[in-house]
Amino acid sequence: MDDKKWEKWAVLGGVGFVILNVVGVILQGTPPKKDDSNAKVLEWFTDQASGIRTSALLGALSLFVLLLWFGSLWRRMAKAEGNNHRLSVVSLVGFLGSGAMFAASTAILTTVAIRVDGVGEDQARFFYTMSMVVLSLAGPFIAAHLAATNLLALRTGFLPKWNAMLGLLPALAFLVGSVGAMSDDDAVMYFGLIGFVTWMIWILATSVHLWKTADTY
């Protein structure tokens, strides 16, 4: 299989990432809110323990397929920059940093779910909050990845202009959501959710474009 065909199939990793994460979110059920009692948080861990653990596995698989997807995107970015690797490096570092923070946040939730029988109410709240703070810290990384990728697209046209503009929306939402590093307010979580949903849409739109142009790029 030649390189262009490998690139085309790797693009499907973006679709796989979206599917795996959507299923993972569904399996976790409705997460606790700020005003929920510590007992309610522990009840969520207890009731959704199996779903949280399964979601962690799906999350790990989603990172694998997204790395394959990013390989195809990186190739386009590097070519668009003439191999100068400025914005493309920023995109890469942001991409890897956000993945690491996502994995750390997931690990915290999953550890509580695995050992839930030995976890008290206060501990459940503490570690749930910690996981949300760590996830919020992924915001600046993913925002940098999206901003660098889509600003380069606007400058060079390696992605359609509308696609690039779409990608700047989750970048902004994730930046606002990073306030979650200092607050557990529900409004902050909503910005993170908006960022997540629009990011998924951007990944799908980008994947379609990369697939359609893989044979000619």
N, C-alpha and C. Protein backbone atom coordinates (compact mmCIF):
# COMPACT_ATOMS: atom_id res chain seq x y z
N MET A 1 0.85 -1.20 0.00
CA MET A 1 0.00 0.00 0.00
C MET A 1 0.89 1.25 0.00
N ASP A 2 0.65 2.17 -0.97
CA ASP A 2 1.52 3.34 -1.04
C ASP A 2 1.16 4.34 0.05
N ASP A 3 2.02 5.38 0.17
CA ASP A 3 1.90 6.33 1.27
C ASP A 3 0.58 7.08 1.26
N LYS A 4 0.09 7.42 0.09
CA LYS A 4 -1.17 8.17 0.00
C LYS A 4 -2.34 7.33 0.51
N LYS A 5 -2.30 6.01 0.23
CA LYS A 5 -3.38 5.16 0.72
C LYS A 5 -3.29 4.99 2.24
N TRP A 6 -2.06 4.88 2.76
CA TRP A 6 -1.90 4.82 4.20
C TRP A 6 -2.47 6.08 4.86
N GLU A 7 -2.18 7.23 4.24
CA GLU A 7 -2.69 8.49 4.77
C GLU A 7 -4.20 8.52 4.76
N LYS A 8 -4.77 8.01 3.70
CA LYS A 8 -6.23 8.02 3.57
C LYS A 8 -6.89 7.19 4.67
N TRP A 9 -6.33 6.02 4.93
CA TRP A 9 -6.90 5.15 5.95
C TRP A 9 -6.64 5.69 7.35
N ALA A 10 -5.50 6.34 7.55
CA ALA A 10 -5.18 6.92 8.85
C ALA A 10 -6.17 8.01 9.22
N VAL A 11 -6.70 8.68 8.19
CA VAL A 11 -7.67 9.75 8.43
C VAL A 11 -8.90 9.22 9.16
N LEU A 12 -9.23 7.95 8.97
CA LEU A 12 -10.38 7.37 9.63
C LEU A 12 -10.21 7.35 11.15
N GLY A 13 -8.97 7.54 11.61
CA GLY A 13 -8.74 7.62 13.04
C GLY A 13 -9.50 8.76 13.69
N GLY A 14 -9.70 9.85 12.95
CA GLY A 14 -10.48 10.96 13.48
C GLY A 14 -11.92 10.56 13.74
N VAL A 15 -12.49 9.81 12.81
CA VAL A 15 -13.86 9.32 12.99
C VAL A 15 -13.93 8.34 14.15
N GLY A 16 -12.92 7.45 14.23
CA GLY A 16 -12.88 6.50 15.33
C GLY A 16 -12.76 7.19 16.67
N PHE A 17 -11.97 8.25 16.74
CA PHE A 17 -11.80 9.00 17.98
C PHE A 17 -13.14 9.58 18.45
N VAL A 18 -13.87 10.15 17.54
CA VAL A 18 -15.17 10.74 17.89
C VAL A 18 -16.12 9.67 18.40
N ILE A 19 -16.22 8.56 17.70
CA ILE A 19 -17.13 7.49 18.08
C ILE A 19 -16.77 6.94 19.46
N LEU A 20 -15.49 6.65 19.68
CA LEU A 20 -15.06 6.07 20.95
C LEU A 20 -15.32 7.01 22.12
N ASN A 21 -15.11 8.31 21.92
CA ASN A 21 -15.32 9.27 23.00
C ASN A 21 -16.79 9.51 23.28
N VAL A 22 -17.61 9.55 22.25
CA VAL A 22 -19.05 9.72 22.46
C VAL A 22 -19.61 8.53 23.24
N VAL A 23 -19.20 7.33 22.85
CA VAL A 23 -19.65 6.13 23.57
C VAL A 23 -19.15 6.17 25.01
N GLY A 24 -17.89 6.59 25.20
CA GLY A 24 -17.34 6.68 26.54
C GLY A 24 -18.09 7.64 27.44
N VAL A 25 -18.47 8.78 26.90
CA VAL A 25 -19.24 9.77 27.67
C VAL A 25 -20.59 9.20 28.06
N ILE A 26 -21.24 8.50 27.14
CA ILE A 26 -22.55 7.90 27.41
C ILE A 26 -22.44 6.86 28.52
N LEU A 27 -21.39 6.05 28.48
CA LEU A 27 -21.21 4.98 29.46
C LEU A 27 -21.03 5.53 30.87
N GLN A 28 -20.48 6.74 31.00
CA GLN A 28 -20.24 7.31 32.32
C GLN A 28 -21.51 7.87 32.96
N GLY A 29 -22.56 8.02 32.19
CA GLY A 29 -23.79 8.59 32.73
C GLY A 29 -23.65 10.08 33.00
N THR A 30 -24.61 10.64 33.70
CA THR A 30 -24.60 12.08 34.01
C THR A 30 -23.64 12.36 35.17
N PRO A 31 -22.60 13.16 34.93
CA PRO A 31 -21.61 13.41 35.99
C PRO A 31 -22.18 14.30 37.09
N PRO A 32 -21.56 14.27 38.27
CA PRO A 32 -22.03 15.11 39.38
C PRO A 32 -21.90 16.59 39.05
N LYS A 33 -22.71 17.40 39.74
CA LYS A 33 -22.64 18.85 39.60
C LYS A 33 -22.03 19.44 40.87
N LYS A 34 -21.71 20.73 40.79
CA LYS A 34 -21.06 21.40 41.91
C LYS A 34 -21.89 21.31 43.18
N ASP A 35 -23.21 21.47 43.06
CA ASP A 35 -24.07 21.52 44.23
C ASP A 35 -24.46 20.14 44.76
N ASP A 36 -24.06 19.08 44.07
CA ASP A 36 -24.37 17.73 44.56
C ASP A 36 -23.57 17.44 45.84
N SER A 37 -24.17 16.70 46.73
CA SER A 37 -23.50 16.35 47.98
C SER A 37 -22.37 15.37 47.73
N ASN A 38 -21.49 15.25 48.71
CA ASN A 38 -20.40 14.27 48.61
C ASN A 38 -20.95 12.86 48.47
N ALA A 39 -22.06 12.60 49.15
CA ALA A 39 -22.70 11.28 49.06
C ALA A 39 -23.17 11.01 47.63
N LYS A 40 -23.66 12.05 46.97
CA LYS A 40 -24.14 11.91 45.59
C LYS A 40 -22.97 11.62 44.65
N VAL A 41 -21.84 12.24 44.90
CA VAL A 41 -20.66 12.00 44.07
C VAL A 41 -20.20 10.56 44.23
N LEU A 42 -20.15 10.08 45.46
CA LEU A 42 -19.76 8.69 45.70
C LEU A 42 -20.76 7.73 45.07
N GLU A 43 -22.02 8.08 45.13
CA GLU A 43 -23.06 7.24 44.51
C GLU A 43 -22.83 7.14 43.00
N TRP A 44 -22.41 8.25 42.39
CA TRP A 44 -22.11 8.22 40.94
C TRP A 44 -20.96 7.26 40.64
N PHE A 45 -19.90 7.35 41.42
CA PHE A 45 -18.77 6.44 41.23
C PHE A 45 -19.21 4.98 41.39
N THR A 46 -20.05 4.73 42.39
CA THR A 46 -20.49 3.36 42.67
C THR A 46 -21.39 2.83 41.55
N ASP A 47 -22.37 3.64 41.16
CA ASP A 47 -23.33 3.20 40.15
C ASP A 47 -22.71 3.09 38.76
N GLN A 48 -21.74 3.97 38.47
CA GLN A 48 -21.17 4.02 37.12
C GLN A 48 -19.75 3.43 37.07
N ALA A 49 -19.37 2.67 38.08
CA ALA A 49 -17.99 2.15 38.15
C ALA A 49 -17.62 1.38 36.89
N SER A 50 -18.49 0.50 36.44
CA SER A 50 -18.20 -0.29 35.25
C SER A 50 -18.10 0.59 34.01
N GLY A 51 -19.01 1.54 33.89
CA GLY A 51 -18.99 2.45 32.75
C GLY A 51 -17.76 3.33 32.73
N ILE A 52 -17.33 3.79 33.91
CA ILE A 52 -16.13 4.63 34.01
C ILE A 52 -14.90 3.84 33.58
N ARG A 53 -14.81 2.59 34.03
CA ARG A 53 -13.66 1.75 33.66
C ARG A 53 -13.64 1.46 32.16
N THR A 54 -14.80 1.14 31.62
CA THR A 54 -14.89 0.86 30.18
C THR A 54 -14.57 2.11 29.37
N SER A 55 -15.06 3.24 29.86
CA SER A 55 -14.79 4.52 29.19
C SER A 55 -13.30 4.81 29.15
N ALA A 56 -12.58 4.44 30.22
CA ALA A 56 -11.13 4.66 30.25
C ALA A 56 -10.43 3.85 29.16
N LEU A 57 -10.87 2.60 28.98
CA LEU A 57 -10.29 1.76 27.92
C LEU A 57 -10.57 2.36 26.55
N LEU A 58 -11.81 2.80 26.35
CA LEU A 58 -12.16 3.41 25.07
C LEU A 58 -11.36 4.69 24.85
N GLY A 59 -11.14 5.44 25.94
CA GLY A 59 -10.34 6.66 25.84
C GLY A 59 -8.92 6.38 25.42
N ALA A 60 -8.34 5.30 25.97
CA ALA A 60 -6.98 4.92 25.59
C ALA A 60 -6.92 4.54 24.10
N LEU A 61 -7.90 3.78 23.65
CA LEU A 61 -7.95 3.41 22.23
C LEU A 61 -8.15 4.64 21.35
N SER A 62 -8.94 5.59 21.85
CA SER A 62 -9.20 6.79 21.06
C SER A 62 -7.93 7.61 20.87
N LEU A 63 -7.06 7.63 21.88
CA LEU A 63 -5.79 8.34 21.74
C LEU A 63 -4.91 7.68 20.69
N PHE A 64 -4.94 6.37 20.64
CA PHE A 64 -4.15 5.63 19.64
C PHE A 64 -4.59 5.99 18.23
N VAL A 65 -5.90 5.94 17.97
CA VAL A 65 -6.37 6.21 16.60
C VAL A 65 -6.22 7.69 16.25
N LEU A 66 -6.30 8.57 17.28
CA LEU A 66 -6.14 10.00 16.99
C LEU A 66 -4.69 10.32 16.63
N LEU A 67 -3.74 9.60 17.22
CA LEU A 67 -2.34 9.80 16.84
C LEU A 67 -2.12 9.44 15.37
N LEU A 68 -2.77 8.37 14.91
CA LEU A 68 -2.68 8.01 13.49
C LEU A 68 -3.28 9.12 12.63
N TRP A 69 -4.40 9.66 13.08
CA TRP A 69 -5.07 10.75 12.36
C TRP A 69 -4.18 11.98 12.30
N PHE A 70 -3.55 12.30 13.43
CA PHE A 70 -2.72 13.49 13.46
C PHE A 70 -1.50 13.35 12.54
N GLY A 71 -1.04 12.13 12.35
CA GLY A 71 0.07 11.92 11.42
C GLY A 71 -0.26 12.43 10.03
N SER A 72 -1.48 12.18 9.58
CA SER A 72 -1.91 12.67 8.27
C SER A 72 -2.05 14.18 8.27
N LEU A 73 -2.59 14.73 9.36
CA LEU A 73 -2.74 16.18 9.47
C LEU A 73 -1.38 16.85 9.51
N TRP A 74 -0.45 16.27 10.27
CA TRP A 74 0.90 16.84 10.38
C TRP A 74 1.57 16.93 9.01
N ARG A 75 1.39 15.90 8.21
CA ARG A 75 2.00 15.89 6.88
C ARG A 75 1.50 17.07 6.06
N ARG A 76 0.22 17.35 6.13
CA ARG A 76 -0.34 18.50 5.40
C ARG A 76 0.22 19.81 5.95
N MET A 77 0.30 19.91 7.27
CA MET A 77 0.78 21.15 7.88
C MET A 77 2.24 21.40 7.53
N ALA A 78 3.06 20.35 7.62
CA ALA A 78 4.49 20.49 7.32
C ALA A 78 4.70 20.92 5.87
N LYS A 79 3.92 20.34 4.97
CA LYS A 79 4.03 20.70 3.56
C LYS A 79 3.57 22.14 3.33
N ALA A 80 2.50 22.53 4.03
CA ALA A 80 1.98 23.90 3.88
C ALA A 80 2.98 24.93 4.37
N GLU A 81 3.77 24.58 5.39
CA GLU A 81 4.78 25.50 5.94
C GLU A 81 6.11 25.42 5.21
N GLY A 82 6.21 24.56 4.22
CA GLY A 82 7.48 24.40 3.52
C GLY A 82 8.53 23.80 4.41
N ASN A 83 8.08 22.93 5.33
CA ASN A 83 8.98 22.24 6.27
C ASN A 83 9.73 23.19 7.21
N ASN A 84 9.21 24.41 7.43
CA ASN A 84 9.80 25.31 8.41
C ASN A 84 9.39 24.95 9.84
N HIS A 85 8.25 24.28 9.97
CA HIS A 85 7.80 23.73 11.25
C HIS A 85 7.74 24.76 12.37
N ARG A 86 6.95 25.78 12.20
CA ARG A 86 6.72 26.73 13.28
C ARG A 86 5.36 26.44 13.92
N LEU A 87 4.29 26.80 13.21
CA LEU A 87 2.96 26.53 13.74
C LEU A 87 2.69 25.04 13.86
N SER A 88 3.29 24.26 12.97
CA SER A 88 3.07 22.81 13.04
C SER A 88 3.66 22.22 14.31
N VAL A 89 4.78 22.77 14.78
CA VAL A 89 5.37 22.30 16.04
C VAL A 89 4.50 22.71 17.22
N VAL A 90 3.98 23.93 17.19
CA VAL A 90 3.06 24.37 18.24
C VAL A 90 1.85 23.45 18.28
N SER A 91 1.33 23.11 17.11
CA SER A 91 0.18 22.22 17.03
C SER A 91 0.51 20.85 17.62
N LEU A 92 1.69 20.34 17.30
CA LEU A 92 2.11 19.03 17.79
C LEU A 92 2.24 19.02 19.31
N VAL A 93 2.92 20.03 19.86
CA VAL A 93 3.12 20.09 21.31
C VAL A 93 1.79 20.24 22.03
N GLY A 94 0.91 21.09 21.50
CA GLY A 94 -0.41 21.25 22.10
C GLY A 94 -1.21 19.97 22.04
N PHE A 95 -1.11 19.27 20.93
CA PHE A 95 -1.82 18.01 20.74
C PHE A 95 -1.36 16.98 21.77
N LEU A 96 -0.04 16.81 21.91
CA LEU A 96 0.49 15.82 22.84
C LEU A 96 0.22 16.21 24.29
N GLY A 97 0.33 17.50 24.60
CA GLY A 97 0.07 17.96 25.96
C GLY A 97 -1.37 17.72 26.38
N SER A 98 -2.31 18.00 25.48
CA SER A 98 -3.72 17.80 25.81
C SER A 98 -4.02 16.32 26.00
N GLY A 99 -3.40 15.47 25.18
CA GLY A 99 -3.60 14.04 25.33
C GLY A 99 -3.09 13.53 26.67
N ALA A 100 -1.95 14.05 27.11
CA ALA A 100 -1.39 13.64 28.40
C ALA A 100 -2.29 14.06 29.56
N MET A 101 -2.83 15.28 29.50
CA MET A 101 -3.71 15.76 30.57
C MET A 101 -5.03 14.98 30.58
N PHE A 102 -5.54 14.67 29.39
CA PHE A 102 -6.77 13.86 29.29
C PHE A 102 -6.54 12.49 29.92
N ALA A 103 -5.40 11.88 29.61
CA ALA A 103 -5.08 10.56 30.16
C ALA A 103 -4.95 10.61 31.67
N ALA A 104 -4.31 11.67 32.20
CA ALA A 104 -4.15 11.80 33.65
C ALA A 104 -5.49 11.96 34.34
N SER A 105 -6.37 12.78 33.77
CA SER A 105 -7.69 12.99 34.34
C SER A 105 -8.49 11.68 34.35
N THR A 106 -8.41 10.95 33.25
CA THR A 106 -9.11 9.68 33.15
C THR A 106 -8.57 8.67 34.16
N ALA A 107 -7.26 8.67 34.35
CA ALA A 107 -6.64 7.75 35.30
C ALA A 107 -7.14 7.99 36.72
N ILE A 108 -7.32 9.25 37.09
CA ILE A 108 -7.80 9.57 38.44
C ILE A 108 -9.21 9.03 38.64
N LEU A 109 -10.10 9.29 37.67
CA LEU A 109 -11.48 8.79 37.77
C LEU A 109 -11.52 7.28 37.82
N THR A 110 -10.72 6.64 36.98
CA THR A 110 -10.75 5.19 36.89
C THR A 110 -10.22 4.53 38.15
N THR A 111 -9.20 5.13 38.76
CA THR A 111 -8.65 4.59 40.00
C THR A 111 -9.71 4.57 41.10
N VAL A 112 -10.49 5.65 41.21
CA VAL A 112 -11.57 5.69 42.20
C VAL A 112 -12.62 4.64 41.87
N ALA A 113 -12.95 4.49 40.59
CA ALA A 113 -13.97 3.52 40.18
C ALA A 113 -13.52 2.09 40.49
N ILE A 114 -12.23 1.81 40.33
CA ILE A 114 -11.70 0.47 40.61
C ILE A 114 -11.72 0.16 42.10
N ARG A 115 -11.40 1.17 42.92
CA ARG A 115 -11.31 0.99 44.38
C ARG A 115 -12.48 1.65 45.11
N VAL A 116 -13.61 1.72 44.48
CA VAL A 116 -14.73 2.49 45.03
C VAL A 116 -15.22 1.95 46.37
N ASP A 117 -15.07 0.64 46.61
CA ASP A 117 -15.56 0.07 47.88
C ASP A 117 -14.77 0.59 49.08
N GLY A 118 -13.54 1.07 48.83
CA GLY A 118 -12.74 1.57 49.93
C GLY A 118 -12.63 3.08 49.97
N VAL A 119 -13.49 3.76 49.21
CA VAL A 119 -13.43 5.22 49.11
C VAL A 119 -14.57 5.85 49.91
N GLY A 120 -14.23 6.86 50.71
CA GLY A 120 -15.24 7.58 51.46
C GLY A 120 -15.84 8.72 50.65
N GLU A 121 -16.87 9.33 51.20
CA GLU A 121 -17.58 10.40 50.48
C GLU A 121 -16.68 11.60 50.21
N ASP A 122 -15.92 12.02 51.22
CA ASP A 122 -15.03 13.16 51.05
C ASP A 122 -13.93 12.86 50.03
N GLN A 123 -13.42 11.64 50.05
CA GLN A 123 -12.39 11.25 49.09
C GLN A 123 -12.92 11.24 47.67
N ALA A 124 -14.16 10.77 47.51
CA ALA A 124 -14.78 10.73 46.19
C ALA A 124 -14.88 12.14 45.61
N ARG A 125 -15.33 13.07 46.43
CA ARG A 125 -15.44 14.47 45.98
C ARG A 125 -14.06 15.03 45.65
N PHE A 126 -13.08 14.77 46.50
CA PHE A 126 -11.73 15.30 46.29
C PHE A 126 -11.15 14.82 44.96
N PHE A 127 -11.21 13.53 44.71
CA PHE A 127 -10.60 13.00 43.50
C PHE A 127 -11.41 13.33 42.25
N TYR A 128 -12.72 13.47 42.41
CA TYR A 128 -13.52 13.90 41.26
C TYR A 128 -13.15 15.33 40.87
N THR A 129 -13.02 16.20 41.87
CA THR A 129 -12.62 17.58 41.60
C THR A 129 -11.22 17.63 41.00
N MET A 130 -10.31 16.81 41.53
CA MET A 130 -8.96 16.78 40.99
C MET A 130 -8.96 16.39 39.51
N SER A 131 -9.77 15.40 39.15
CA SER A 131 -9.81 14.96 37.75
C SER A 131 -10.32 16.08 36.84
N MET A 132 -11.29 16.87 37.34
CA MET A 132 -11.83 17.97 36.55
C MET A 132 -10.80 19.10 36.40
N VAL A 133 -10.02 19.34 37.45
CA VAL A 133 -8.98 20.36 37.38
C VAL A 133 -7.92 19.96 36.37
N VAL A 134 -7.49 18.70 36.43
CA VAL A 134 -6.49 18.21 35.47
C VAL A 134 -7.02 18.30 34.05
N LEU A 135 -8.29 17.93 33.87
CA LEU A 135 -8.88 18.02 32.54
C LEU A 135 -8.94 19.46 32.05
N SER A 136 -9.24 20.39 32.96
CA SER A 136 -9.27 21.81 32.59
C SER A 136 -7.91 22.30 32.12
N LEU A 137 -6.85 21.75 32.72
CA LEU A 137 -5.50 22.14 32.34
C LEU A 137 -5.12 21.65 30.94
N ALA A 138 -5.92 20.75 30.40
CA ALA A 138 -5.72 20.34 29.00
C ALA A 138 -6.18 21.45 28.06
N GLY A 139 -7.03 22.37 28.56
CA GLY A 139 -7.60 23.42 27.73
C GLY A 139 -6.59 24.26 26.98
N PRO A 140 -5.58 24.83 27.65
CA PRO A 140 -4.60 25.64 26.93
C PRO A 140 -3.84 24.85 25.87
N PHE A 141 -3.57 23.57 26.15
CA PHE A 141 -2.85 22.75 25.18
C PHE A 141 -3.68 22.51 23.92
N ILE A 142 -4.93 22.11 24.10
CA ILE A 142 -5.76 21.83 22.92
C ILE A 142 -6.10 23.12 22.19
N ALA A 143 -6.21 24.23 22.93
CA ALA A 143 -6.45 25.52 22.29
C ALA A 143 -5.26 25.92 21.42
N ALA A 144 -4.03 25.67 21.93
CA ALA A 144 -2.84 25.97 21.14
C ALA A 144 -2.78 25.11 19.89
N HIS A 145 -3.11 23.83 20.04
CA HIS A 145 -3.14 22.92 18.88
C HIS A 145 -4.12 23.41 17.82
N LEU A 146 -5.33 23.75 18.25
CA LEU A 146 -6.37 24.18 17.31
C LEU A 146 -6.04 25.53 16.70
N ALA A 147 -5.55 26.46 17.52
CA ALA A 147 -5.22 27.79 17.00
C ALA A 147 -4.11 27.70 15.96
N ALA A 148 -3.04 26.97 16.28
CA ALA A 148 -1.91 26.86 15.35
C ALA A 148 -2.33 26.19 14.05
N THR A 149 -3.09 25.10 14.17
CA THR A 149 -3.52 24.36 12.98
C THR A 149 -4.38 25.22 12.07
N ASN A 150 -5.34 25.90 12.67
CA ASN A 150 -6.32 26.61 11.85
C ASN A 150 -5.83 27.98 11.39
N LEU A 151 -4.95 28.61 12.14
CA LEU A 151 -4.33 29.84 11.65
C LEU A 151 -3.42 29.54 10.45
N LEU A 152 -2.72 28.40 10.51
CA LEU A 152 -1.92 27.98 9.37
C LEU A 152 -2.82 27.68 8.18
N ALA A 153 -3.97 27.07 8.43
CA ALA A 153 -4.90 26.76 7.35
C ALA A 153 -5.43 28.04 6.71
N LEU A 154 -5.73 29.04 7.53
CA LEU A 154 -6.21 30.32 6.99
C LEU A 154 -5.13 31.00 6.14
N ARG A 155 -3.88 30.83 6.56
CA ARG A 155 -2.77 31.48 5.85
C ARG A 155 -2.40 30.77 4.56
N THR A 156 -2.49 29.45 4.56
CA THR A 156 -1.99 28.68 3.41
C THR A 156 -3.09 27.99 2.61
N GLY A 157 -4.26 27.80 3.21
CA GLY A 157 -5.36 27.17 2.49
C GLY A 157 -5.29 25.65 2.43
N PHE A 158 -4.51 25.00 3.33
CA PHE A 158 -4.44 23.54 3.27
C PHE A 158 -5.74 22.90 3.79
N LEU A 159 -6.55 23.69 4.50
CA LEU A 159 -7.92 23.33 4.84
C LEU A 159 -8.84 24.43 4.32
N PRO A 160 -10.09 24.11 3.99
CA PRO A 160 -11.02 25.15 3.56
C PRO A 160 -11.17 26.23 4.62
N LYS A 161 -11.43 27.45 4.18
CA LYS A 161 -11.52 28.57 5.12
C LYS A 161 -12.59 28.35 6.17
N TRP A 162 -13.76 27.83 5.76
CA TRP A 162 -14.85 27.61 6.72
C TRP A 162 -14.45 26.57 7.77
N ASN A 163 -13.68 25.58 7.33
CA ASN A 163 -13.20 24.54 8.23
C ASN A 163 -12.26 25.13 9.27
N ALA A 164 -11.36 26.01 8.82
CA ALA A 164 -10.42 26.65 9.72
C ALA A 164 -11.14 27.57 10.71
N MET A 165 -12.12 28.32 10.24
CA MET A 165 -12.88 29.19 11.14
C MET A 165 -13.63 28.38 12.19
N LEU A 166 -14.17 27.25 11.76
CA LEU A 166 -14.86 26.35 12.69
C LEU A 166 -13.91 25.88 13.78
N GLY A 167 -12.66 25.59 13.42
CA GLY A 167 -11.70 25.09 14.39
C GLY A 167 -11.28 26.11 15.44
N LEU A 168 -11.47 27.38 15.16
CA LEU A 168 -11.11 28.41 16.14
C LEU A 168 -12.16 28.53 17.25
N LEU A 169 -13.38 28.05 16.99
CA LEU A 169 -14.43 28.12 18.01
C LEU A 169 -14.13 27.24 19.22
N PRO A 170 -13.80 25.94 19.03
CA PRO A 170 -13.45 25.15 20.21
C PRO A 170 -12.18 25.64 20.89
N ALA A 171 -11.25 26.23 20.13
CA ALA A 171 -10.04 26.78 20.74
C ALA A 171 -10.41 27.84 21.79
N LEU A 172 -11.34 28.72 21.43
CA LEU A 172 -11.78 29.75 22.36
C LEU A 172 -12.52 29.15 23.54
N ALA A 173 -13.41 28.18 23.27
CA ALA A 173 -14.18 27.56 24.35
C ALA A 173 -13.27 26.83 25.33
N PHE A 174 -12.25 26.14 24.82
CA PHE A 174 -11.32 25.42 25.70
C PHE A 174 -10.50 26.40 26.55
N LEU A 175 -10.15 27.54 25.97
CA LEU A 175 -9.42 28.53 26.75
C LEU A 175 -10.25 29.04 27.92
N VAL A 176 -11.51 29.34 27.64
CA VAL A 176 -12.41 29.78 28.71
C VAL A 176 -12.59 28.66 29.73
N GLY A 177 -12.73 27.43 29.23
CA GLY A 177 -12.92 26.29 30.12
C GLY A 177 -11.73 26.02 31.02
N SER A 178 -10.57 26.53 30.64
CA SER A 178 -9.37 26.30 31.47
C SER A 178 -9.47 27.02 32.81
N VAL A 179 -10.45 27.91 32.96
CA VAL A 179 -10.70 28.55 34.25
C VAL A 179 -11.05 27.48 35.29
N GLY A 180 -11.46 26.30 34.80
CA GLY A 180 -11.76 25.19 35.71
C GLY A 180 -10.57 24.76 36.54
N ALA A 181 -9.39 25.24 36.19
CA ALA A 181 -8.21 24.94 36.99
C ALA A 181 -8.26 25.65 38.34
N MET A 182 -9.14 26.64 38.47
CA MET A 182 -9.24 27.38 39.74
C MET A 182 -10.67 27.44 40.26
N SER A 183 -11.59 26.73 39.61
CA SER A 183 -12.98 26.77 40.04
C SER A 183 -13.70 25.51 39.58
N ASP A 184 -14.65 25.03 40.40
CA ASP A 184 -15.45 23.88 39.99
C ASP A 184 -16.88 24.30 39.63
N ASP A 185 -17.03 25.56 39.24
CA ASP A 185 -18.34 26.08 38.87
C ASP A 185 -18.88 25.33 37.65
N ASP A 186 -20.17 25.05 37.66
CA ASP A 186 -20.80 24.31 36.56
C ASP A 186 -20.68 25.05 35.24
N ALA A 187 -20.70 26.39 35.28
CA ALA A 187 -20.62 27.18 34.04
C ALA A 187 -19.32 26.91 33.31
N VAL A 188 -18.24 26.70 34.07
CA VAL A 188 -16.95 26.39 33.46
C VAL A 188 -17.02 25.06 32.74
N MET A 189 -17.68 24.09 33.36
CA MET A 189 -17.83 22.77 32.75
C MET A 189 -18.61 22.86 31.45
N TYR A 190 -19.59 23.76 31.39
CA TYR A 190 -20.38 23.91 30.18
C TYR A 190 -19.52 24.42 29.02
N PHE A 191 -18.58 25.32 29.32
CA PHE A 191 -17.68 25.80 28.27
C PHE A 191 -16.80 24.65 27.77
N GLY A 192 -16.36 23.81 28.70
CA GLY A 192 -15.60 22.64 28.30
C GLY A 192 -16.41 21.71 27.42
N LEU A 193 -17.70 21.56 27.75
CA LEU A 193 -18.58 20.71 26.93
C LEU A 193 -18.77 21.30 25.54
N ILE A 194 -18.96 22.63 25.48
CA ILE A 194 -19.09 23.29 24.17
C ILE A 194 -17.82 23.08 23.34
N GLY A 195 -16.67 23.23 23.99
CA GLY A 195 -15.41 23.01 23.31
C GLY A 195 -15.30 21.60 22.79
N PHE A 196 -15.69 20.63 23.62
CA PHE A 196 -15.61 19.22 23.24
C PHE A 196 -16.49 18.92 22.03
N VAL A 197 -17.72 19.39 22.07
CA VAL A 197 -18.66 19.10 20.97
C VAL A 197 -18.20 19.75 19.66
N THR A 198 -17.81 21.02 19.73
CA THR A 198 -17.38 21.70 18.49
C THR A 198 -16.06 21.13 17.98
N TRP A 199 -15.21 20.67 18.90
CA TRP A 199 -13.95 20.02 18.49
C TRP A 199 -14.23 18.72 17.74
N MET A 200 -15.20 17.94 18.25
CA MET A 200 -15.59 16.70 17.56
C MET A 200 -16.08 16.99 16.15
N ILE A 201 -16.90 18.04 16.02
CA ILE A 201 -17.42 18.42 14.70
C ILE A 201 -16.28 18.83 13.78
N TRP A 202 -15.32 19.60 14.33
CA TRP A 202 -14.17 20.02 13.54
C TRP A 202 -13.34 18.82 13.08
N ILE A 203 -13.12 17.87 13.97
CA ILE A 203 -12.35 16.67 13.61
C ILE A 203 -13.03 15.92 12.48
N LEU A 204 -14.35 15.77 12.55
CA LEU A 204 -15.08 15.08 11.50
C LEU A 204 -14.98 15.84 10.18
N ALA A 205 -15.15 17.16 10.23
CA ALA A 205 -15.07 17.97 9.01
C ALA A 205 -13.67 17.90 8.41
N THR A 206 -12.66 17.97 9.26
CA THR A 206 -11.27 17.90 8.80
C THR A 206 -10.98 16.52 8.22
N SER A 207 -11.49 15.49 8.85
CA SER A 207 -11.27 14.13 8.37
C SER A 207 -11.86 13.92 6.99
N VAL A 208 -13.07 14.45 6.77
CA VAL A 208 -13.70 14.34 5.46
C VAL A 208 -12.84 15.01 4.39
N HIS A 209 -12.33 16.20 4.70
CA HIS A 209 -11.50 16.92 3.72
C HIS A 209 -10.20 16.16 3.45
N LEU A 210 -9.55 15.67 4.49
CA LEU A 210 -8.30 14.94 4.30
C LEU A 210 -8.52 13.66 3.49
N TRP A 211 -9.64 13.00 3.72
CA TRP A 211 -9.97 11.77 2.98
C TRP A 211 -10.21 12.08 1.50
N LYS A 212 -10.99 13.11 1.26
CA LYS A 212 -11.34 13.44 -0.13
C LYS A 212 -10.15 13.91 -0.94
N THR A 213 -9.17 14.50 -0.28
CA THR A 213 -8.02 15.08 -1.02
C THR A 213 -6.75 14.25 -0.88
N ALA A 214 -6.84 13.06 -0.26
CA ALA A 214 -5.65 12.26 0.00
C ALA A 214 -4.94 11.83 -1.29
N ASP A 215 -5.70 11.59 -2.35
CA ASP A 215 -5.11 11.10 -3.60
C ASP A 215 -4.50 12.21 -4.44
N THR A 216 -4.83 13.45 -4.11
CA THR A 216 -4.37 14.56 -4.97
C THR A 216 -3.41 15.51 -4.26
N TYR A 217 -3.30 15.41 -2.94
CA TYR A 217 -2.50 16.38 -2.20
C TYR A 217 -1.00 16.06 -2.32
